[in-house]
């Protein structure tokens, strides 16, 4: 049955799992990009009405509604998400559990996941057509298990990035800024604001059980994609299908040094700079002397005293563009 349904509307919708054959569904996060994404609904309906097999369109304003929808889908379905990094991140466990294929149409703020898939610069209808027609390929995911000061441990998957320190605090600051700023401008402004209270964090960092750093750092990030923060090329050599994550560490430095380094980070030209550590890994352990802010895929997690980060190779089937293959 072909339907267009808003699962938050309170109306009874035909269950997408009524038939157990894999489905293709479009999932529009109405809150993405400061709720501007909701405006795509009518255009999506008009674009898909003439398709031989019209996909079902669901509009959601709450993550739990979208998760329930995905959990009800037949195994191996194709889920095309209209949204940004946060929209996708919250759906990862359900996508994996159902063996579903992920497609992304970039209508969010950061769009680093779409950038890693090579679809961030496509017009929305081109990205949609691509996601409907392409063959899936599996990409790696990262997973972080983090423990707060009270000893409570949680785990979180990520496609693009895990951050600890200054950049995670910047994520929290960016979430308080006007959404019309968009991805990188919003992140850069948040960075400049955070420079007024520049903090360092005393971390012990080890890779595969071997210590690589002990002492104060500005930030420590694990990247599965080349960019974070709406397009900052923090790990220009990172790839989402190479079976490894990229660790980026910036040691403690002053405001003037950060300001001089920031333009290079935007362009991916900071590797090899004094105070910058880059190393690929499969398993990473971060221990903090004091609680340190952490974030994944542009979503703030809170503060933790320990984080274990690991690669999960070839986990998620996705719909990529040719430009994202190295």
C-alpha atoms as a PDB file:
ATOM      1  CA  UNK A   1       0.000   0.000   0.000  1.00  0.00           C
ATOM      2  CA  UNK A   2       1.330   3.413  -0.949  1.00  0.00           C
ATOM      3  CA  UNK A   3       0.684   6.064   1.679  1.00  0.00           C
ATOM      4  CA  UNK A   4       1.819   9.442   2.826  1.00  0.00           C
ATOM      5  CA  UNK A   5       1.511   9.647   6.560  1.00  0.00           C
ATOM      6  CA  UNK A   6       2.545  11.845   9.457  1.00  0.00           C
ATOM      7  CA  UNK A   7       3.016   9.391  12.359  1.00  0.00           C
ATOM      8  CA  UNK A   8       2.736  12.238  14.874  1.00  0.00           C
ATOM      9  CA  UNK A   9      -0.681  13.308  13.606  1.00  0.00           C
ATOM     10  CA  UNK A  10      -2.654  10.831  15.730  1.00  0.00           C
ATOM     11  CA  UNK A  11      -4.286   9.249  12.688  1.00  0.00           C
ATOM     12  CA  UNK A  12      -4.230   5.494  12.255  1.00  0.00           C
ATOM     13  CA  UNK A  13      -1.747   4.554   9.527  1.00  0.00           C
ATOM     14  CA  UNK A  14      -1.528   1.239   7.700  1.00  0.00           C
ATOM     15  CA  UNK A  15       1.338  -0.665   9.218  1.00  0.00           C
ATOM     16  CA  UNK A  16       4.412  -0.654   6.952  1.00  0.00           C
ATOM     17  CA  UNK A  17       5.067  -4.205   8.166  1.00  0.00           C
ATOM     18  CA  UNK A  18       1.688  -5.506   6.929  1.00  0.00           C
ATOM     19  CA  UNK A  19       3.605  -7.236   4.155  1.00  0.00           C
ATOM     20  CA  UNK A  20       6.956  -8.731   5.085  1.00  0.00           C
ATOM     21  CA  UNK A  21       8.701  -7.852   1.846  1.00  0.00           C
ATOM     22  CA  UNK A  22      11.349  -5.122   2.301  1.00  0.00           C
ATOM     23  CA  UNK A  23       9.940  -1.632   1.893  1.00  0.00           C
ATOM     24  CA  UNK A  24      11.282   1.726   0.793  1.00  0.00           C
ATOM     25  CA  UNK A  25      10.281   4.535   3.125  1.00  0.00           C
ATOM     26  CA  UNK A  26      11.098   8.240   3.208  1.00  0.00           C
ATOM     27  CA  UNK A  27      11.514   9.655   6.680  1.00  0.00           C
ATOM     28  CA  UNK A  28      11.384  13.447   6.961  1.00  0.00           C
ATOM     29  CA  UNK A  29      12.598  14.949  10.225  1.00  0.00           C
ATOM     30  CA  UNK A  30      10.378  18.026  10.470  1.00  0.00           C
ATOM     31  CA  UNK A  31      12.665  19.531  13.133  1.00  0.00           C
ATOM     32  CA  UNK A  32      15.842  19.378  11.046  1.00  0.00           C
ATOM     33  CA  UNK A  33      17.531  22.663  10.131  1.00  0.00           C
ATOM     34  CA  UNK A  34      15.568  24.550  12.747  1.00  0.00           C
ATOM     35  CA  UNK A  35      12.236  23.048  11.575  1.00  0.00           C
ATOM     36  CA  UNK A  36      12.754  24.343   8.029  1.00  0.00           C
ATOM     37  CA  UNK A  37      12.895  20.768   6.734  1.00  0.00           C
ATOM     38  CA  UNK A  38       9.133  20.423   7.293  1.00  0.00           C
ATOM     39  CA  UNK A  39       8.647  22.578   4.215  1.00  0.00           C
ATOM     40  CA  UNK A  40       9.856  19.769   1.962  1.00  0.00           C
ATOM     41  CA  UNK A  41       6.806  17.579   2.574  1.00  0.00           C
ATOM     42  CA  UNK A  42       4.632  18.864  -0.255  1.00  0.00           C
ATOM     43  CA  UNK A  43       7.487  18.924  -2.762  1.00  0.00           C
ATOM     44  CA  UNK A  44       8.431  15.340  -1.889  1.00  0.00           C
ATOM     45  CA  UNK A  45       4.847  14.212  -2.403  1.00  0.00           C
ATOM     46  CA  UNK A  46       4.730  15.896  -5.803  1.00  0.00           C
ATOM     47  CA  UNK A  47       8.104  14.450  -6.820  1.00  0.00           C
ATOM     48  CA  UNK A  48       7.221  10.857  -5.918  1.00  0.00           C
ATOM     49  CA  UNK A  49       3.602  10.706  -7.067  1.00  0.00           C
ATOM     50  CA  UNK A  50       4.503   9.600 -10.591  1.00  0.00           C
ATOM     51  CA  UNK A  51       7.045   6.946  -9.598  1.00  0.00           C
ATOM     52  CA  UNK A  52       6.157   3.370 -10.646  1.00  0.00           C
ATOM     53  CA  UNK A  53       6.534   2.253  -7.023  1.00  0.00           C
ATOM     54  CA  UNK A  54       5.838   5.265  -4.882  1.00  0.00           C
ATOM     55  CA  UNK A  55       7.681   5.077  -1.534  1.00  0.00           C
ATOM     56  CA  UNK A  56       5.844   5.788   1.677  1.00  0.00           C
ATOM     57  CA  UNK A  57       6.575   9.198   3.213  1.00  0.00           C
ATOM     58  CA  UNK A  58       6.509   9.665   6.972  1.00  0.00           C
ATOM     59  CA  UNK A  59       6.956  13.023   8.703  1.00  0.00           C
ATOM     60  CA  UNK A  60       8.226  12.834  12.253  1.00  0.00           C
ATOM     61  CA  UNK A  61       8.900  15.457  14.903  1.00  0.00           C
ATOM     62  CA  UNK A  62      10.179  13.085  17.571  1.00  0.00           C
ATOM     63  CA  UNK A  63      13.034  10.603  17.434  1.00  0.00           C
ATOM     64  CA  UNK A  64      11.058   7.905  19.253  1.00  0.00           C
ATOM     65  CA  UNK A  65       8.318   8.045  16.614  1.00  0.00           C
ATOM     66  CA  UNK A  66      10.862   7.514  13.851  1.00  0.00           C
ATOM     67  CA  UNK A  67      12.514   4.692  15.802  1.00  0.00           C
ATOM     68  CA  UNK A  68       9.178   2.897  16.265  1.00  0.00           C
ATOM     69  CA  UNK A  69       8.535   3.174  12.547  1.00  0.00           C
ATOM     70  CA  UNK A  70      11.900   1.672  11.636  1.00  0.00           C
ATOM     71  CA  UNK A  71      11.496  -1.106  14.193  1.00  0.00           C
ATOM     72  CA  UNK A  72       8.208  -2.072  12.528  1.00  0.00           C
ATOM     73  CA  UNK A  73       9.683  -2.342   9.034  1.00  0.00           C
ATOM     74  CA  UNK A  74      10.360  -5.692   7.375  1.00  0.00           C
ATOM     75  CA  UNK A  75      14.012  -6.715   7.548  1.00  0.00           C
ATOM     76  CA  UNK A  76      16.239  -5.322   4.829  1.00  0.00           C
ATOM     77  CA  UNK A  77      14.126  -2.279   4.033  1.00  0.00           C
ATOM     78  CA  UNK A  78      15.484   0.931   2.506  1.00  0.00           C
ATOM     79  CA  UNK A  79      15.194   3.990   4.778  1.00  0.00           C
ATOM     80  CA  UNK A  80      15.877   7.373   3.189  1.00  0.00           C
ATOM     81  CA  UNK A  81      16.268  10.064   5.825  1.00  0.00           C
ATOM     82  CA  UNK A  82      15.640  13.730   5.083  1.00  0.00           C
ATOM     83  CA  UNK A  83      17.638  15.378   7.853  1.00  0.00           C
ATOM     84  CA  UNK A  84      21.091  16.011   9.268  1.00  0.00           C
ATOM     85  CA  UNK A  85      23.675  14.202  11.357  1.00  0.00           C
ATOM     86  CA  UNK A  86      21.575  14.120  14.512  1.00  0.00           C
ATOM     87  CA  UNK A  87      18.570  12.752  12.637  1.00  0.00           C
ATOM     88  CA  UNK A  88      20.611   9.821  11.344  1.00  0.00           C
ATOM     89  CA  UNK A  89      22.581   9.160  14.519  1.00  0.00           C
ATOM     90  CA  UNK A  90      19.522   8.450  16.649  1.00  0.00           C
ATOM     91  CA  UNK A  91      18.317   5.846  14.153  1.00  0.00           C
ATOM     92  CA  UNK A  92      21.538   3.815  13.896  1.00  0.00           C
ATOM     93  CA  UNK A  93      20.680   1.053  16.415  1.00  0.00           C
ATOM     94  CA  UNK A  94      17.313   0.389  14.747  1.00  0.00           C
ATOM     95  CA  UNK A  95      18.813   0.461  11.255  1.00  0.00           C
ATOM     96  CA  UNK A  96      21.426  -2.110  12.290  1.00  0.00           C
ATOM     97  CA  UNK A  97      18.954  -4.311  14.139  1.00  0.00           C
ATOM     98  CA  UNK A  98      16.675  -4.522  11.108  1.00  0.00           C
ATOM     99  CA  UNK A  99      19.437  -4.951   8.540  1.00  0.00           C
ATOM    100  CA  UNK A 100      18.115  -1.861   6.790  1.00  0.00           C
ATOM    101  CA  UNK A 101      19.864   0.254   4.153  1.00  0.00           C
ATOM    102  CA  UNK A 102      20.363   3.965   4.858  1.00  0.00           C
ATOM    103  CA  UNK A 103      20.025   6.764   2.349  1.00  0.00           C
ATOM    104  CA  UNK A 104      20.441  10.432   3.268  1.00  0.00           C
ATOM    105  CA  UNK A 105      19.024  13.597   1.734  1.00  0.00           C
ATOM    106  CA  UNK A 106      20.903  16.516   3.272  1.00  0.00           C
ATOM    107  CA  UNK A 107      18.381  18.962   4.700  1.00  0.00           C
ATOM    108  CA  UNK A 108      19.984  19.335   8.139  1.00  0.00           C
ATOM    109  CA  UNK A 109      22.439  21.829   9.577  1.00  0.00           C
ATOM    110  CA  UNK A 110      25.762  19.969   9.757  1.00  0.00           C
ATOM    111  CA  UNK A 111      25.363  17.275   7.082  1.00  0.00           C
ATOM    112  CA  UNK A 112      28.759  15.655   7.705  1.00  0.00           C
ATOM    113  CA  UNK A 113      27.180  12.208   7.256  1.00  0.00           C
ATOM    114  CA  UNK A 114      25.771  13.254   3.877  1.00  0.00           C
ATOM    115  CA  UNK A 115      29.181  14.731   3.052  1.00  0.00           C
ATOM    116  CA  UNK A 116      30.864  11.406   3.826  1.00  0.00           C
ATOM    117  CA  UNK A 117      28.371   9.661   1.518  1.00  0.00           C
ATOM    118  CA  UNK A 118      29.033  12.179  -1.250  1.00  0.00           C
ATOM    119  CA  UNK A 119      25.453  13.468  -1.446  1.00  0.00           C
ATOM    120  CA  UNK A 120      25.724  16.748   0.486  1.00  0.00           C
ATOM    121  CA  UNK A 121      25.940  18.951  -2.610  1.00  0.00           C
ATOM    122  CA  UNK A 122      23.151  17.249  -4.509  1.00  0.00           C
ATOM    123  CA  UNK A 123      19.841  19.044  -4.834  1.00  0.00           C
ATOM    124  CA  UNK A 124      17.324  17.224  -2.700  1.00  0.00           C
ATOM    125  CA  UNK A 125      15.416  15.630  -5.578  1.00  0.00           C
ATOM    126  CA  UNK A 126      18.659  14.408  -7.189  1.00  0.00           C
ATOM    127  CA  UNK A 127      19.788  12.922  -3.871  1.00  0.00           C
ATOM    128  CA  UNK A 128      16.391  11.248  -3.472  1.00  0.00           C
ATOM    129  CA  UNK A 129      16.467   9.728  -6.956  1.00  0.00           C
ATOM    130  CA  UNK A 130      20.004   8.514  -6.304  1.00  0.00           C
ATOM    131  CA  UNK A 131      18.944   6.894  -3.008  1.00  0.00           C
ATOM    132  CA  UNK A 132      15.979   5.190  -4.673  1.00  0.00           C
ATOM    133  CA  UNK A 133      18.059   3.699  -7.486  1.00  0.00           C
ATOM    134  CA  UNK A 134      21.529   2.980  -6.074  1.00  0.00           C
ATOM    135  CA  UNK A 135      22.904  -0.342  -4.892  1.00  0.00           C
ATOM    136  CA  UNK A 136      23.915  -0.422  -1.205  1.00  0.00           C
ATOM    137  CA  UNK A 137      27.494  -0.661   0.046  1.00  0.00           C
ATOM    138  CA  UNK A 138      28.555  -1.299   3.631  1.00  0.00           C
ATOM    139  CA  UNK A 139      30.443   1.308   5.651  1.00  0.00           C
ATOM    140  CA  UNK A 140      32.153   1.273   9.024  1.00  0.00           C
ATOM    141  CA  UNK A 141      30.643   2.664  12.199  1.00  0.00           C
ATOM    142  CA  UNK A 142      32.302   3.857  15.374  1.00  0.00           C
ATOM    143  CA  UNK A 143      31.110   2.996  18.852  1.00  0.00           C
ATOM    144  CA  UNK A 144      31.901   4.760  22.118  1.00  0.00           C
ATOM    145  CA  UNK A 145      31.275   3.396  25.599  1.00  0.00           C
ATOM    146  CA  UNK A 146      31.576   6.254  28.077  1.00  0.00           C
ATOM    147  CA  UNK A 147      31.402   6.423  31.865  1.00  0.00           C
ATOM    148  CA  UNK A 148      30.359   9.497  33.848  1.00  0.00           C
ATOM    149  CA  UNK A 149      31.663  10.618  37.236  1.00  0.00           C
ATOM    150  CA  UNK A 150      28.984   8.552  39.029  1.00  0.00           C
ATOM    151  CA  UNK A 151      30.127   5.368  37.337  1.00  0.00           C
ATOM    152  CA  UNK A 152      27.165   5.076  34.966  1.00  0.00           C
ATOM    153  CA  UNK A 153      28.156   3.702  31.541  1.00  0.00           C
ATOM    154  CA  UNK A 154      26.387   4.166  28.207  1.00  0.00           C
ATOM    155  CA  UNK A 155      27.198   3.251  24.615  1.00  0.00           C
ATOM    156  CA  UNK A 156      26.597   5.218  21.454  1.00  0.00           C
ATOM    157  CA  UNK A 157      27.171   4.506  17.771  1.00  0.00           C
ATOM    158  CA  UNK A 158      28.387   7.153  15.343  1.00  0.00           C
ATOM    159  CA  UNK A 159      28.941   7.518  11.613  1.00  0.00           C
ATOM    160  CA  UNK A 160      31.047  10.664  11.472  1.00  0.00           C
ATOM    161  CA  UNK A 161      32.742  11.704  14.700  1.00  0.00           C
ATOM    162  CA  UNK A 162      33.352  11.348  18.409  1.00  0.00           C
ATOM    163  CA  UNK A 163      34.703  14.390  20.251  1.00  0.00           C
ATOM    164  CA  UNK A 164      36.128  14.935  23.719  1.00  0.00           C
ATOM    165  CA  UNK A 165      37.153  18.306  25.115  1.00  0.00           C
ATOM    166  CA  UNK A 166      36.961  21.710  23.488  1.00  0.00           C
ATOM    167  CA  UNK A 167      35.200  20.594  20.317  1.00  0.00           C
ATOM    168  CA  UNK A 168      32.505  18.734  22.285  1.00  0.00           C
ATOM    169  CA  UNK A 169      31.940  21.847  24.420  1.00  0.00           C
ATOM    170  CA  UNK A 170      31.700  23.792  21.165  1.00  0.00           C
ATOM    171  CA  UNK A 171      28.958  21.405  19.993  1.00  0.00           C
ATOM    172  CA  UNK A 172      26.981  22.227  23.121  1.00  0.00           C
ATOM    173  CA  UNK A 173      27.507  25.954  22.518  1.00  0.00           C
ATOM    174  CA  UNK A 174      26.488  25.638  18.854  1.00  0.00           C
ATOM    175  CA  UNK A 175      23.158  24.097  19.851  1.00  0.00           C
ATOM    176  CA  UNK A 176      22.257  27.341  21.616  1.00  0.00           C
ATOM    177  CA  UNK A 177      22.938  29.507  18.549  1.00  0.00           C
ATOM    178  CA  UNK A 178      20.363  30.484  15.884  1.00  0.00           C
ATOM    179  CA  UNK A 179      19.677  27.587  13.521  1.00  0.00           C
ATOM    180  CA  UNK A 180      19.603  29.856  10.462  1.00  0.00           C
ATOM    181  CA  UNK A 181      23.392  30.098  10.673  1.00  0.00           C
ATOM    182  CA  UNK A 182      23.739  26.600   9.252  1.00  0.00           C
ATOM    183  CA  UNK A 183      26.548  24.078   9.675  1.00  0.00           C
ATOM    184  CA  UNK A 184      30.092  25.441   9.537  1.00  0.00           C
ATOM    185  CA  UNK A 185      29.276  29.130  10.245  1.00  0.00           C
ATOM    186  CA  UNK A 186      27.389  28.054  13.337  1.00  0.00           C
ATOM    187  CA  UNK A 187      30.252  25.850  14.501  1.00  0.00           C
ATOM    188  CA  UNK A 188      32.904  28.507  13.824  1.00  0.00           C
ATOM    189  CA  UNK A 189      30.922  31.134  15.742  1.00  0.00           C
ATOM    190  CA  UNK A 190      30.531  28.694  18.633  1.00  0.00           C
ATOM    191  CA  UNK A 191      34.296  28.110  18.519  1.00  0.00           C
ATOM    192  CA  UNK A 192      35.026  31.821  18.741  1.00  0.00           C
ATOM    193  CA  UNK A 193      32.646  32.183  21.681  1.00  0.00           C
ATOM    194  CA  UNK A 194      34.269  29.258  23.485  1.00  0.00           C
ATOM    195  CA  UNK A 195      37.718  30.789  23.042  1.00  0.00           C
ATOM    196  CA  UNK A 196      36.798  33.342  25.706  1.00  0.00           C
ATOM    197  CA  UNK A 197      36.881  30.535  28.269  1.00  0.00           C
ATOM    198  CA  UNK A 198      39.488  28.314  26.641  1.00  0.00           C
ATOM    199  CA  UNK A 199      39.960  25.173  28.733  1.00  0.00           C
ATOM    200  CA  UNK A 200      42.368  22.285  28.544  1.00  0.00           C
ATOM    201  CA  UNK A 201      41.684  18.762  29.789  1.00  0.00           C
ATOM    202  CA  UNK A 202      44.117  16.360  31.436  1.00  0.00           C
ATOM    203  CA  UNK A 203      43.754  13.125  29.461  1.00  0.00           C
ATOM    204  CA  UNK A 204      45.519   9.801  29.288  1.00  0.00           C
ATOM    205  CA  UNK A 205      45.117   8.411  25.769  1.00  0.00           C
ATOM    206  CA  UNK A 206      46.080   4.919  24.638  1.00  0.00           C
ATOM    207  CA  UNK A 207      45.662   3.045  21.350  1.00  0.00           C
ATOM    208  CA  UNK A 208      45.550  -0.760  21.280  1.00  0.00           C
ATOM    209  CA  UNK A 209      46.725  -0.708  24.904  1.00  0.00           C
ATOM    210  CA  UNK A 210      49.763   1.491  24.210  1.00  0.00           C
ATOM    211  CA  UNK A 211      49.914   4.994  25.738  1.00  0.00           C
ATOM    212  CA  UNK A 212      50.378   7.750  23.155  1.00  0.00           C
ATOM    213  CA  UNK A 213      49.689  10.837  25.273  1.00  0.00           C
ATOM    214  CA  UNK A 214      49.360  11.804  28.916  1.00  0.00           C
ATOM    215  CA  UNK A 215      48.725  15.388  29.944  1.00  0.00           C
ATOM    216  CA  UNK A 216      46.673  18.450  29.032  1.00  0.00           C
ATOM    217  CA  UNK A 217      44.991  18.639  25.627  1.00  0.00           C
ATOM    218  CA  UNK A 218      42.596  21.018  23.974  1.00  0.00           C
ATOM    219  CA  UNK A 219      40.663  18.249  22.243  1.00  0.00           C
ATOM    220  CA  UNK A 220      40.732  14.593  21.269  1.00  0.00           C
ATOM    221  CA  UNK A 221      38.510  13.439  18.405  1.00  0.00           C
ATOM    222  CA  UNK A 222      37.931  10.106  16.680  1.00  0.00           C
ATOM    223  CA  UNK A 223      36.849  10.488  13.062  1.00  0.00           C
ATOM    224  CA  UNK A 224      35.229   8.002  10.711  1.00  0.00           C
ATOM    225  CA  UNK A 225      34.737  10.719   8.099  1.00  0.00           C
ATOM    226  CA  UNK A 226      37.006  13.501   6.913  1.00  0.00           C
ATOM    227  CA  UNK A 227      34.880  16.320   8.330  1.00  0.00           C
ATOM    228  CA  UNK A 228      32.935  17.419  11.359  1.00  0.00           C
ATOM    229  CA  UNK A 229      31.364  20.670  12.509  1.00  0.00           C
ATOM    230  CA  UNK A 230      29.537  21.217   9.217  1.00  0.00           C
ATOM    231  CA  UNK A 231      32.501  20.647   6.913  1.00  0.00           C
ATOM    232  CA  UNK A 232      35.703  21.312   8.890  1.00  0.00           C
ATOM    233  CA  UNK A 233      38.325  18.974   7.415  1.00  0.00           C
ATOM    234  CA  UNK A 234      39.649  17.771  10.747  1.00  0.00           C
ATOM    235  CA  UNK A 235      40.801  14.364   9.406  1.00  0.00           C
ATOM    236  CA  UNK A 236      41.263  14.799   5.644  1.00  0.00           C
ATOM    237  CA  UNK A 237      42.506  11.234   5.098  1.00  0.00           C
ATOM    238  CA  UNK A 238      39.712   9.494   7.025  1.00  0.00           C
ATOM    239  CA  UNK A 239      37.457   7.124   5.071  1.00  0.00           C
ATOM    240  CA  UNK A 240      34.207   5.477   6.106  1.00  0.00           C
ATOM    241  CA  UNK A 241      35.112   2.071   4.685  1.00  0.00           C
ATOM    242  CA  UNK A 242      38.775   1.519   5.574  1.00  0.00           C
ATOM    243  CA  UNK A 243      38.250  -0.443   8.782  1.00  0.00           C
ATOM    244  CA  UNK A 244      39.886   2.196  10.990  1.00  0.00           C
ATOM    245  CA  UNK A 245      39.165   5.448  12.808  1.00  0.00           C
ATOM    246  CA  UNK A 246      41.391   8.537  12.817  1.00  0.00           C
ATOM    247  CA  UNK A 247      42.468  10.053  16.128  1.00  0.00           C
ATOM    248  CA  UNK A 248      43.093  13.796  16.130  1.00  0.00           C
ATOM    249  CA  UNK A 249      44.591  15.379  19.251  1.00  0.00           C
ATOM    250  CA  UNK A 250      45.364  19.057  19.745  1.00  0.00           C
ATOM    251  CA  UNK A 251      47.618  19.581  22.726  1.00  0.00           C
ATOM    252  CA  UNK A 252      47.088  22.489  25.112  1.00  0.00           C
ATOM    253  CA  UNK A 253      47.635  25.838  23.389  1.00  0.00           C
ATOM    254  CA  UNK A 254      46.757  29.485  23.830  1.00  0.00           C
ATOM    255  CA  UNK A 255      44.070  31.540  22.122  1.00  0.00           C
ATOM    256  CA  UNK A 256      46.426  33.080  19.554  1.00  0.00           C
ATOM    257  CA  UNK A 257      47.720  29.659  18.563  1.00  0.00           C
ATOM    258  CA  UNK A 258      44.169  28.329  18.174  1.00  0.00           C
ATOM    259  CA  UNK A 259      43.220  31.309  16.033  1.00  0.00           C
ATOM    260  CA  UNK A 260      46.230  30.764  13.797  1.00  0.00           C
ATOM    261  CA  UNK A 261      45.472  27.040  13.491  1.00  0.00           C
ATOM    262  CA  UNK A 262      41.719  27.353  12.867  1.00  0.00           C
ATOM    263  CA  UNK A 263      41.954  28.421   9.186  1.00  0.00           C
ATOM    264  CA  UNK A 264      44.252  25.473   8.501  1.00  0.00           C
ATOM    265  CA  UNK A 265      41.779  23.119  10.183  1.00  0.00           C
ATOM    266  CA  UNK A 266      38.977  24.418   7.990  1.00  0.00           C
ATOM    267  CA  UNK A 267      41.014  23.441   4.924  1.00  0.00           C
ATOM    268  CA  UNK A 268      42.544  20.233   6.291  1.00  0.00           C
ATOM    269  CA  UNK A 269      46.081  21.653   6.299  1.00  0.00           C
ATOM    270  CA  UNK A 270      46.868  21.276   9.996  1.00  0.00           C
ATOM    271  CA  UNK A 271      48.399  17.782   9.926  1.00  0.00           C
ATOM    272  CA  UNK A 272      52.041  17.913  10.926  1.00  0.00           C
ATOM    273  CA  UNK A 273      51.634  21.191  12.799  1.00  0.00           C
ATOM    274  CA  UNK A 274      53.318  21.357  16.226  1.00  0.00           C
ATOM    275  CA  UNK A 275      50.971  20.157  18.931  1.00  0.00           C
ATOM    276  CA  UNK A 276      48.739  18.179  16.531  1.00  0.00           C
ATOM    277  CA  UNK A 277      48.696  14.370  16.770  1.00  0.00           C
ATOM    278  CA  UNK A 278      47.140  12.173  14.077  1.00  0.00           C
ATOM    279  CA  UNK A 279      47.002   8.388  14.251  1.00  0.00           C
ATOM    280  CA  UNK A 280      44.722   5.647  12.892  1.00  0.00           C
ATOM    281  CA  UNK A 281      43.350   3.060  15.295  1.00  0.00           C
ATOM    282  CA  UNK A 282      40.902   0.266  15.952  1.00  0.00           C
ATOM    283  CA  UNK A 283      40.546   0.636  19.727  1.00  0.00           C
ATOM    284  CA  UNK A 284      41.070   3.791  21.763  1.00  0.00           C
ATOM    285  CA  UNK A 285      40.885   4.477  25.495  1.00  0.00           C
ATOM    286  CA  UNK A 286      40.598   7.957  26.997  1.00  0.00           C
ATOM    287  CA  UNK A 287      40.804   8.496  30.741  1.00  0.00           C
ATOM    288  CA  UNK A 288      40.218  11.962  32.199  1.00  0.00           C
ATOM    289  CA  UNK A 289      41.377  13.396  35.516  1.00  0.00           C
ATOM    290  CA  UNK A 290      38.175  15.451  35.659  1.00  0.00           C
ATOM    291  CA  UNK A 291      34.889  15.048  33.737  1.00  0.00           C
ATOM    292  CA  UNK A 292      35.344  16.105  30.121  1.00  0.00           C
ATOM    293  CA  UNK A 293      32.558  17.070  27.654  1.00  0.00           C
ATOM    294  CA  UNK A 294      31.868  14.549  24.889  1.00  0.00           C
ATOM    295  CA  UNK A 295      29.780  14.477  21.702  1.00  0.00           C
ATOM    296  CA  UNK A 296      29.031  12.215  18.730  1.00  0.00           C
ATOM    297  CA  UNK A 297      27.860  13.243  15.246  1.00  0.00           C
ATOM    298  CA  UNK A 298      27.256  16.803  16.428  1.00  0.00           C
ATOM    299  CA  UNK A 299      25.093  15.707  19.383  1.00  0.00           C
ATOM    300  CA  UNK A 300      26.241  16.554  22.907  1.00  0.00           C
ATOM    301  CA  UNK A 301      26.470  13.552  25.270  1.00  0.00           C
ATOM    302  CA  UNK A 302      27.452  15.224  28.528  1.00  0.00           C
ATOM    303  CA  UNK A 303      30.606  14.845  30.633  1.00  0.00           C
ATOM    304  CA  UNK A 304      32.513  11.612  31.236  1.00  0.00           C
ATOM    305  CA  UNK A 305      35.687  10.439  32.915  1.00  0.00           C
ATOM    306  CA  UNK A 306      36.397   7.524  30.590  1.00  0.00           C
ATOM    307  CA  UNK A 307      35.614   6.630  26.991  1.00  0.00           C
ATOM    308  CA  UNK A 308      36.374   3.492  25.006  1.00  0.00           C
ATOM    309  CA  UNK A 309      36.109   4.036  21.241  1.00  0.00           C
ATOM    310  CA  UNK A 310      36.221   1.208  18.706  1.00  0.00           C
ATOM    311  CA  UNK A 311      35.682   0.607  15.020  1.00  0.00           C
ATOM    312  CA  UNK A 312      32.870  -1.645  13.785  1.00  0.00           C
ATOM    313  CA  UNK A 313      33.925  -2.513  10.232  1.00  0.00           C
ATOM    314  CA  UNK A 314      31.453  -2.934   7.352  1.00  0.00           C
ATOM    315  CA  UNK A 315      28.381  -2.643   9.548  1.00  0.00           C
ATOM    316  CA  UNK A 316      25.804  -0.472   7.805  1.00  0.00           C
ATOM    317  CA  UNK A 317      24.520  -0.713   4.214  1.00  0.00           C
ATOM    318  CA  UNK A 318      24.296   2.792   2.762  1.00  0.00           C
ATOM    319  CA  UNK A 319      23.590   4.495  -0.539  1.00  0.00           C
ATOM    320  CA  UNK A 320      26.717   6.398  -1.575  1.00  0.00           C
ATOM    321  CA  UNK A 321      27.632   8.621  -4.468  1.00  0.00           C
ATOM    322  CA  UNK A 322      30.613   7.817  -6.645  1.00  0.00           C
ATOM    323  CA  UNK A 323      32.387  10.925  -5.320  1.00  0.00           C
ATOM    324  CA  UNK A 324      32.591   9.449  -1.816  1.00  0.00           C
ATOM    325  CA  UNK A 325      34.702   6.484  -2.889  1.00  0.00           C
ATOM    326  CA  UNK A 326      38.458   6.912  -2.585  1.00  0.00           C
END
